[in-house]
Amino acid sequence: MFMDHKQVQRIKDQYPQGTRIRLIGMDDPYAPILSGTEGMVNVVDDIGTLHCTFDNGRTLGVIPGEDSFSVISRPEQPELQESEAERFSMKME
């Protein structure tokens, strides 16, 4: 499955580093990870693969649309810096 740049960027935004996932199913006859195994997204590469470290110590790429998984949690969003907060504020006069 080929993804264009916009689709890959959407995946990167949806699954940032630190996102915790639970694997539901994986179609990998050579090195499958058991259903129910949990892990953390380390990085999403330029073709949209989620490179994860699983709680059992394994590392493997998870492919959205090919492999089934659910999100357990996402990293907390950092608080806006003052300059960023000012850009988003609206003054009502």
Protein backbone atom coordinates (compact mmCIF):
# COMPACT_ATOMS: atom_id res chain seq x y z
CA MET A 1 0.00 0.00 0.00
CA PHE A 2 1.60 3.25 -1.17
CA MET A 3 0.91 6.48 0.73
CA ASP A 4 1.50 9.99 -0.51
CA HIS A 5 3.22 12.68 1.56
CA LYS A 6 -0.05 14.03 3.02
CA GLN A 7 -1.18 10.58 4.17
CA VAL A 8 2.20 9.92 5.80
CA GLN A 9 2.14 13.29 7.54
CA ARG A 10 -1.34 12.54 8.86
CA ILE A 11 -0.06 9.24 10.30
CA LYS A 12 2.93 11.03 11.87
CA ASP A 13 0.56 13.55 13.47
CA GLN A 14 -1.85 10.84 14.63
CA TYR A 15 0.82 8.57 16.17
CA PRO A 16 3.58 10.78 17.62
CA GLN A 17 6.56 9.36 19.47
CA GLY A 18 5.43 7.97 22.81
CA THR A 19 2.00 6.81 21.61
CA ARG A 20 1.11 3.51 23.31
CA ILE A 21 -0.58 0.88 21.14
CA ARG A 22 -2.06 -2.60 21.61
CA LEU A 23 -1.64 -5.03 18.74
CA ILE A 24 -4.85 -6.74 17.61
CA GLY A 25 -3.45 -8.68 14.67
CA MET A 26 -0.45 -8.78 12.37
CA ASP A 27 -0.08 -10.49 9.01
CA ASP A 28 3.59 -11.43 9.36
CA PRO A 29 4.25 -15.16 8.96
CA TYR A 30 7.96 -14.79 9.80
CA ALA A 31 7.97 -12.70 12.97
CA PRO A 32 4.45 -12.02 14.23
CA ILE A 33 3.85 -10.38 17.57
CA LEU A 34 1.05 -11.92 19.60
CA SER A 35 -2.35 -10.26 19.71
CA GLY A 36 -2.74 -8.15 22.85
CA THR A 37 0.95 -7.22 23.06
CA GLU A 38 1.44 -3.56 23.96
CA GLY A 39 4.19 -1.24 22.84
CA MET A 40 5.28 2.32 22.20
CA VAL A 41 5.79 4.18 18.92
CA ASN A 42 9.39 5.33 18.55
CA VAL A 43 9.09 6.96 15.14
CA VAL A 44 6.97 6.97 12.00
CA ASP A 45 9.14 6.69 8.90
CA ASP A 46 8.65 8.37 5.53
CA ILE A 47 6.48 5.55 4.18
CA GLY A 48 4.11 5.59 7.18
CA THR A 49 5.40 2.57 9.13
CA LEU A 50 5.18 2.89 12.92
CA HIS A 51 8.46 1.62 14.37
CA CYS A 52 7.61 0.34 17.83
CA THR A 53 9.26 -1.20 20.87
CA PHE A 54 6.95 -3.74 22.45
CA ASP A 55 6.76 -4.54 26.14
CA ASN A 56 8.16 -8.03 25.46
CA GLY A 57 11.39 -6.43 24.20
CA ARG A 58 10.75 -6.91 20.49
CA THR A 59 10.98 -4.10 17.99
CA LEU A 60 9.00 -4.24 14.78
CA GLY A 61 7.29 -1.98 12.27
CA VAL A 62 3.50 -1.78 12.35
CA ILE A 63 1.77 -0.80 9.11
CA PRO A 64 -1.50 1.13 9.44
CA GLY A 65 -4.08 -0.40 7.12
CA GLU A 66 -2.26 -3.75 7.04
CA ASP A 67 -1.81 -4.55 10.73
CA SER A 68 -4.58 -4.08 13.29
CA PHE A 69 -3.94 -2.15 16.49
CA SER A 70 -5.61 0.22 18.90
CA VAL A 71 -4.27 3.30 20.65
CA ILE A 72 -4.00 3.00 24.42
CA SER A 73 -2.69 6.51 25.05
CA ARG A 74 -0.95 9.41 23.37
CA PRO A 75 1.78 11.56 24.89
CA GLU A 76 0.57 14.69 26.59
CA GLN A 77 0.74 17.79 24.49
CA PRO A 78 3.34 20.22 25.82
CA GLU A 79 1.98 23.51 27.09
CA LEU A 80 2.16 26.32 24.59
CA GLN A 81 5.07 28.66 24.91
CA GLU A 82 4.03 32.25 25.62
CA SER A 83 4.87 33.35 22.07
CA GLU A 84 2.76 30.50 20.65
CA ALA A 85 -0.11 31.30 23.00
CA GLU A 86 -0.06 34.89 21.83
CA ARG A 87 -0.35 33.80 18.20
CA PHE A 88 -3.52 31.87 18.98
CA SER A 89 -5.16 34.37 21.28
CA MET A 90 -7.92 36.63 20.07
CA LYS A 91 -8.43 40.07 21.48
CA MET A 92 -12.01 41.12 21.91
CA GLU A 93 -12.45 44.87 22.07
